[in-house]
Amino acid sequence: MTKAGSKGGNLRDKLDGNELDLSLSDLNEVPVKELAALPKATILDLSCNKLTTLPSDFCGLTHLVKLDLSKNKLRQLPADFGRLVNLQHLDLLNNRLVTLPVSFAQLKSLKWLDLKDNPLDAVLAKVAGDCLDEKQCKQCANKVLQHMKAVQVDQERERQRRLEIDREAEKKWEAKQRAKEAQERELRKREKAEEKERRRKEYDALKAAKREQEKKPKKETNQAPKSKSSSRPRKPPPRKHTRSWAVLKLLLLLLLCVAGGLVACRVTELQQQPLCTSVNTIYDNAVRGLRSHDILQWVLQTDSQQ
């Protein structure tokens, strides 16, 4: 079997039974589409092509049974390398691999594996062993699959642990938010109650002030005379005294006038006048009536004796 450039002709012309051996002129152009169109090509040899990476759609070649990637410069395999579920033989000799993708654990059909001459992680290198013969390569495939399954379980456990931590953190955050919202609701409720109480007190105060305002005029009306008499106790007597003196003066003046008229009617020549005659008659009758009174007669006698 000879190697030919991938651009030098049809891949079907290079297919030898179910084996296809390719020598790539472009290190970054693995003809995945053409390879996928060849389902009978179950054996693929890409060794000695100085490949540094494999294209992302390479893992779509699920019909591959044997794959030789030895003597290249691969630093890592695609993350979904485990999609090659029919792969039984895998040669990764002399590359630059340090670890394998976790999906490697899905290669349940893998029976043969060679990882020699790779700068593998110490744990992975110990698991892989020397792989110096057919038996050791078969053991390598079995042990590496078991190891990768354990790594997958550990990673899944770690992922679940992180998810649980995230869920717990989210629950705590939600609980904290609920507590905060409840506290805010309680605060708003308390503020509302305080505002209601304040308004009630203001209303009661206004109502009490209104009642006091309604009672105040009555009290002032009832207390007005008292307040006047208590505030000015000596002013009314002078007014009454002045008024009494005026009345007394008027009576004295009237009495003097009557006395003067009476004297004029009894002493002067006017006693013969009709008016004076009537006045003298009234006076005589009054004197006789007063003399007939015992007390007055006693007073008059006392005066005459003195």
Protein backbone atom coordinates (compact mmCIF):
# COMPACT_ATOMS: atom_id res chain seq x y z
CA MET A 1 0.00 0.00 0.00
CA THR A 2 1.40 3.36 -1.02
CA LYS A 3 0.64 6.81 0.32
CA ALA A 4 -0.66 9.50 -2.04
CA GLY A 5 -1.49 13.20 -1.56
CA SER A 6 -5.11 13.90 -0.76
CA LYS A 7 -5.31 16.42 -3.54
CA GLY A 8 -3.78 14.13 -6.09
CA GLY A 9 -6.94 12.22 -6.98
CA ASN A 10 -10.23 10.74 -5.77
CA LEU A 11 -10.16 9.13 -2.31
CA ARG A 12 -12.10 6.21 -3.71
CA ASP A 13 -9.12 5.48 -5.96
CA LYS A 14 -6.90 5.30 -2.83
CA LEU A 15 -9.24 2.99 -0.94
CA ASP A 16 -7.64 -0.43 -0.57
CA GLY A 17 -10.45 -2.70 0.57
CA ASN A 18 -11.53 -1.08 3.83
CA GLU A 19 -8.18 0.61 4.47
CA LEU A 20 -7.28 4.14 3.50
CA ASP A 21 -3.77 5.44 3.85
CA LEU A 22 -3.38 9.19 3.39
CA SER A 23 -0.40 11.47 3.12
CA LEU A 24 -1.58 15.08 3.54
CA SER A 25 0.11 17.92 1.72
CA ASP A 26 -1.84 20.49 3.83
CA LEU A 27 -1.36 19.62 7.49
CA ASN A 28 -4.57 21.43 8.54
CA GLU A 29 -6.88 19.94 5.90
CA VAL A 30 -8.03 16.47 6.87
CA PRO A 31 -10.68 15.61 4.21
CA VAL A 32 -13.38 14.78 6.75
CA LYS A 33 -16.30 15.21 4.33
CA GLU A 34 -14.71 12.92 1.78
CA LEU A 35 -13.85 10.40 4.49
CA ALA A 36 -17.41 10.49 5.86
CA ALA A 37 -18.65 9.67 2.37
CA LEU A 38 -16.65 6.42 2.51
CA PRO A 39 -18.42 4.29 5.15
CA LYS A 40 -16.45 1.24 4.06
CA ALA A 41 -13.19 2.97 4.95
CA THR A 42 -13.08 1.65 8.54
CA ILE A 43 -9.30 1.78 8.75
CA LEU A 44 -7.63 5.17 8.49
CA ASP A 45 -3.89 5.79 8.57
CA LEU A 46 -2.90 9.43 9.17
CA SER A 47 0.53 8.70 10.61
CA CYS A 48 3.62 10.78 9.86
CA ASN A 49 1.68 13.84 8.67
CA LYS A 50 2.95 16.27 11.35
CA LEU A 51 -0.65 17.01 12.37
CA THR A 52 -0.96 19.43 15.31
CA THR A 53 -4.77 19.32 15.65
CA LEU A 54 -7.73 17.43 14.32
CA PRO A 55 -10.73 19.32 12.87
CA SER A 56 -13.84 19.63 15.07
CA ASP A 57 -15.92 17.45 12.72
CA PHE A 58 -13.36 14.65 12.69
CA CYS A 59 -15.27 12.81 15.40
CA GLY A 60 -18.18 12.42 12.98
CA LEU A 61 -16.29 9.52 11.37
CA THR A 62 -18.10 7.08 13.64
CA HIS A 63 -17.60 4.17 11.21
CA LEU A 64 -13.84 4.03 11.93
CA VAL A 65 -12.61 0.84 13.56
CA LYS A 66 -8.87 1.35 13.34
CA LEU A 67 -7.13 4.72 13.47
CA ASP A 68 -3.42 5.41 13.23
CA LEU A 69 -2.38 8.89 14.35
CA SER A 70 1.18 7.97 15.29
CA LYS A 71 4.25 10.13 14.66
CA ASN A 72 2.39 13.43 14.47
CA LYS A 73 2.51 16.55 16.66
CA LEU A 74 -0.90 16.34 18.28
CA ARG A 75 -1.08 18.21 21.60
CA GLN A 76 -4.69 17.24 22.35
CA LEU A 77 -7.59 15.26 20.94
CA PRO A 78 -11.03 16.78 20.24
CA ALA A 79 -13.26 17.05 23.33
CA ASP A 80 -15.91 14.80 21.74
CA PHE A 81 -13.40 12.12 20.68
CA GLY A 82 -15.60 9.60 22.48
CA ARG A 83 -18.11 9.77 19.62
CA LEU A 84 -15.90 7.25 17.74
CA VAL A 85 -17.79 4.46 19.50
CA ASN A 86 -16.81 1.76 16.97
CA LEU A 87 -13.09 2.40 17.37
CA GLN A 88 -11.19 -0.74 18.44
CA HIS A 89 -7.59 0.05 17.58
CA LEU A 90 -5.97 3.43 18.26
CA ASP A 91 -2.31 4.25 17.73
CA LEU A 92 -1.15 7.53 19.30
CA LEU A 93 2.56 6.71 19.38
CA ASN A 94 5.04 9.58 19.39
CA ASN A 95 2.82 12.68 19.73
CA ARG A 96 2.78 15.52 22.25
CA LEU A 97 -0.26 14.47 24.30
CA VAL A 98 -0.35 15.22 28.03
CA THR A 99 -3.93 14.23 28.86
CA LEU A 100 -6.88 12.62 27.16
CA PRO A 101 -10.40 14.09 26.87
CA VAL A 102 -12.93 12.82 29.42
CA SER A 103 -15.13 11.57 26.58
CA PHE A 104 -12.38 8.97 25.94
CA ALA A 105 -14.21 6.82 28.51
CA GLN A 106 -17.04 6.35 25.98
CA LEU A 107 -14.80 4.32 23.63
CA LYS A 108 -16.30 1.06 24.96
CA SER A 109 -15.19 -0.92 21.88
CA LEU A 110 -11.52 0.01 22.26
CA LYS A 111 -9.30 -3.10 22.54
CA TRP A 112 -5.85 -1.82 21.61
CA LEU A 113 -4.09 1.43 22.52
CA ASP A 114 -0.53 2.71 22.19
CA LEU A 115 0.47 5.89 24.08
CA LYS A 116 4.27 5.48 24.05
CA ASP A 117 6.54 8.46 23.52
CA ASN A 118 4.05 11.09 24.75
CA PRO A 119 4.71 13.55 27.63
CA LEU A 120 1.77 12.09 29.53
CA ASP A 121 0.61 13.19 32.95
CA ALA A 122 2.32 11.07 35.62
CA VAL A 123 -0.89 9.35 36.72
CA LEU A 124 -1.97 8.63 33.14
CA ALA A 125 1.52 7.42 32.19
CA LYS A 126 1.50 4.97 35.10
CA VAL A 127 -1.92 3.67 34.10
CA ALA A 128 -0.95 3.30 30.41
CA GLY A 129 2.22 1.32 31.11
CA ASP A 130 5.01 0.61 28.62
CA CYS A 131 2.92 -0.86 25.78
CA LEU A 132 5.88 -2.76 24.35
CA ASP A 133 3.90 -5.61 22.85
CA GLU A 134 0.41 -6.64 21.77
CA LYS A 135 -0.58 -7.81 25.24
CA GLN A 136 0.58 -4.63 26.94
CA CYS A 137 -1.24 -2.47 24.35
CA LYS A 138 -4.44 -4.39 25.03
CA GLN A 139 -3.91 -3.94 28.77
CA CYS A 140 -3.23 -0.27 28.12
CA ALA A 141 -6.59 0.10 26.35
CA ASN A 142 -8.43 -1.59 29.21
CA LYS A 143 -6.66 0.28 32.02
CA VAL A 144 -6.88 3.68 30.33
CA LEU A 145 -10.61 3.18 29.72
CA GLN A 146 -11.13 2.29 33.39
CA HIS A 147 -9.04 5.26 34.46
CA MET A 148 -10.90 7.66 32.17
CA LYS A 149 -14.23 6.30 33.44
CA ALA A 150 -13.05 7.03 36.99
CA VAL A 151 -11.96 10.51 35.89
CA GLN A 152 -15.34 10.99 34.24
CA VAL A 153 -17.12 9.89 37.42
CA ASP A 154 -14.94 12.20 39.51
CA GLN A 155 -15.56 15.09 37.17
CA GLU A 156 -19.29 14.36 37.14
CA ARG A 157 -19.24 14.16 40.93
CA GLU A 158 -17.34 17.43 41.08
CA ARG A 159 -19.78 18.96 38.62
CA GLN A 160 -22.69 17.77 40.73
CA ARG A 161 -20.97 19.10 43.85
CA ARG A 162 -20.52 22.48 42.23
CA LEU A 163 -24.10 22.43 41.01
CA GLU A 164 -25.20 21.60 44.55
CA ILE A 165 -23.06 24.43 45.91
CA ASP A 166 -24.55 26.76 43.32
CA ARG A 167 -28.06 25.59 44.19
CA GLU A 168 -27.39 26.04 47.90
CA ALA A 169 -25.95 29.48 47.24
CA GLU A 170 -29.00 30.29 45.13
CA LYS A 171 -31.33 29.01 47.86
CA LYS A 172 -29.51 31.09 50.46
CA TRP A 173 -29.71 34.10 48.20
CA GLU A 174 -33.42 33.50 47.60
CA ALA A 175 -33.99 33.01 51.34
CA LYS A 176 -32.07 36.20 52.02
CA GLN A 177 -34.13 38.01 49.40
CA ARG A 178 -37.36 36.66 50.90
CA ALA A 179 -36.23 37.73 54.38
CA LYS A 180 -35.30 41.14 53.03
CA GLU A 181 -38.65 41.48 51.26
CA ALA A 182 -40.49 40.34 54.41
CA GLN A 183 -38.52 42.87 56.45
CA GLU A 184 -39.35 45.60 53.96
CA ARG A 185 -43.04 44.61 54.04
CA GLU A 186 -43.00 44.65 57.84
CA LEU A 187 -41.30 48.04 57.81
CA ARG A 188 -43.88 49.44 55.37
CA LYS A 189 -46.66 47.94 57.49
CA ARG A 190 -45.23 49.51 60.66
CA GLU A 191 -44.77 52.87 58.95
CA LYS A 192 -48.34 52.68 57.66
CA ALA A 193 -49.63 51.88 61.17
CA GLU A 194 -47.58 54.73 62.66
CA GLU A 195 -48.91 57.12 60.02
CA LYS A 196 -52.46 55.96 60.74
CA GLU A 197 -51.93 56.43 64.49
CA ARG A 198 -50.46 59.90 63.92
CA ARG A 199 -53.44 60.93 61.81
CA ARG A 200 -55.84 59.54 64.42
CA LYS A 201 -54.13 61.55 67.15
CA GLU A 202 -54.23 64.68 65.01
CA TYR A 203 -57.94 64.10 64.37
CA ASP A 204 -58.62 63.54 68.09
CA ALA A 205 -56.66 66.67 68.97
CA LEU A 206 -58.61 68.74 66.43
CA LYS A 207 -61.88 67.29 67.69
CA ALA A 208 -60.98 68.06 71.33
CA ALA A 209 -59.92 71.60 70.38
CA LYS A 210 -63.21 72.07 68.57
CA ARG A 211 -65.14 70.90 71.66
CA GLU A 212 -63.15 73.25 73.86
CA GLN A 213 -63.80 76.08 71.41
CA GLU A 214 -67.53 75.35 71.56
CA LYS A 215 -67.50 75.33 75.39
CA LYS A 216 -65.43 78.50 75.72
CA PRO A 217 -68.15 81.10 74.76
CA LYS A 218 -70.56 79.62 77.34
CA LYS A 219 -67.96 79.81 80.06
CA GLU A 220 -67.06 83.36 79.11
CA THR A 221 -70.78 84.31 79.16
CA ASN A 222 -71.25 82.74 82.58
CA GLN A 223 -68.05 84.16 83.97
CA ALA A 224 -68.38 87.66 82.46
CA PRO A 225 -70.23 89.31 85.43
CA LYS A 226 -67.91 87.64 87.90
CA SER A 227 -64.88 88.74 86.03
CA LYS A 228 -66.14 92.30 85.82
CA SER A 229 -67.02 92.43 89.52
CA SER A 230 -63.77 90.80 90.50
CA SER A 231 -61.61 92.84 88.19
CA ARG A 232 -63.25 96.19 88.97
CA PRO A 233 -64.95 95.93 92.41
CA ARG A 234 -64.84 99.62 93.30
CA LYS A 235 -65.92 101.28 90.04
CA PRO A 236 -69.69 100.50 90.19
CA PRO A 237 -70.22 102.08 93.72
CA PRO A 238 -68.98 105.48 92.61
CA ARG A 239 -71.41 105.32 89.70
CA LYS A 240 -74.31 104.41 92.06
CA HIS A 241 -73.22 107.03 94.59
CA THR A 242 -73.07 109.69 91.91
CA ARG A 243 -76.42 108.67 90.58
CA SER A 244 -77.95 108.66 94.12
CA TRP A 245 -76.55 112.10 94.87
CA ALA A 246 -78.04 113.44 91.71
CA VAL A 247 -81.45 112.01 92.64
CA LEU A 248 -81.11 113.32 96.18
CA LYS A 249 -80.17 116.77 94.92
CA LEU A 250 -83.16 116.73 92.62
CA LEU A 251 -85.46 115.73 95.50
CA LEU A 252 -84.02 118.44 97.74
CA LEU A 253 -84.49 120.98 95.02
CA LEU A 254 -88.06 119.81 94.52
CA LEU A 255 -88.65 119.90 98.30
CA LEU A 256 -87.25 123.42 98.53
CA CYS A 257 -89.54 124.48 95.73
CA VAL A 258 -92.54 122.95 97.47
CA ALA A 259 -91.49 124.50 100.80
CA GLY A 260 -90.99 127.87 99.15
CA GLY A 261 -94.38 127.65 97.52
CA LEU A 262 -95.99 126.55 100.78
CA VAL A 263 -94.39 129.44 102.67
CA ALA A 264 -95.46 131.82 99.96
CA CYS A 265 -99.03 130.54 100.15
CA ARG A 266 -99.22 130.78 103.97
CA VAL A 267 -97.32 133.95 104.73
CA THR A 268 -97.62 136.24 101.72
CA GLU A 269 -100.67 137.92 100.30
CA LEU A 270 -100.96 135.01 97.79
CA GLN A 271 -102.78 132.93 100.39
CA GLN A 272 -106.06 134.28 99.11
CA GLN A 273 -105.40 132.92 95.64
CA PRO A 274 -107.33 129.77 94.63
CA LEU A 275 -104.16 127.72 94.12
CA CYS A 276 -102.73 128.74 97.49
CA THR A 277 -106.11 128.04 99.13
CA SER A 278 -105.95 124.46 97.82
CA VAL A 279 -102.31 124.11 98.91
CA ASN A 280 -103.12 125.44 102.43
CA THR A 281 -106.06 123.05 102.71
CA ILE A 282 -103.86 120.05 101.68
CA TYR A 283 -101.19 121.14 104.14
CA ASP A 284 -103.62 121.51 107.04
CA ASN A 285 -105.16 118.11 106.32
CA ALA A 286 -101.69 116.53 106.17
CA VAL A 287 -100.63 118.08 109.46
CA ARG A 288 -103.79 116.92 111.18
CA GLY A 289 -103.35 113.44 109.85
CA LEU A 290 -99.76 113.30 111.00
CA ARG A 291 -100.66 114.59 114.47
CA SER A 292 -103.23 111.89 114.85
CA HIS A 293 -100.45 109.29 114.49
CA ASP A 294 -99.12 108.33 117.96
CA ILE A 295 -95.51 107.90 117.04
CA LEU A 296 -95.33 111.09 115.11
CA GLN A 297 -97.20 112.91 117.91
CA TRP A 298 -94.63 111.58 120.39
CA VAL A 299 -91.80 112.80 118.16
CA LEU A 300 -93.43 116.21 117.84
CA GLN A 301 -93.93 116.45 121.62
CA THR A 302 -90.31 115.47 122.21
CA ASP A 303 -89.20 118.16 119.82
CA SER A 304 -91.47 120.77 121.45
CA GLN A 305 -90.14 119.91 124.91
CA GLN A 306 -86.58 120.37 123.75
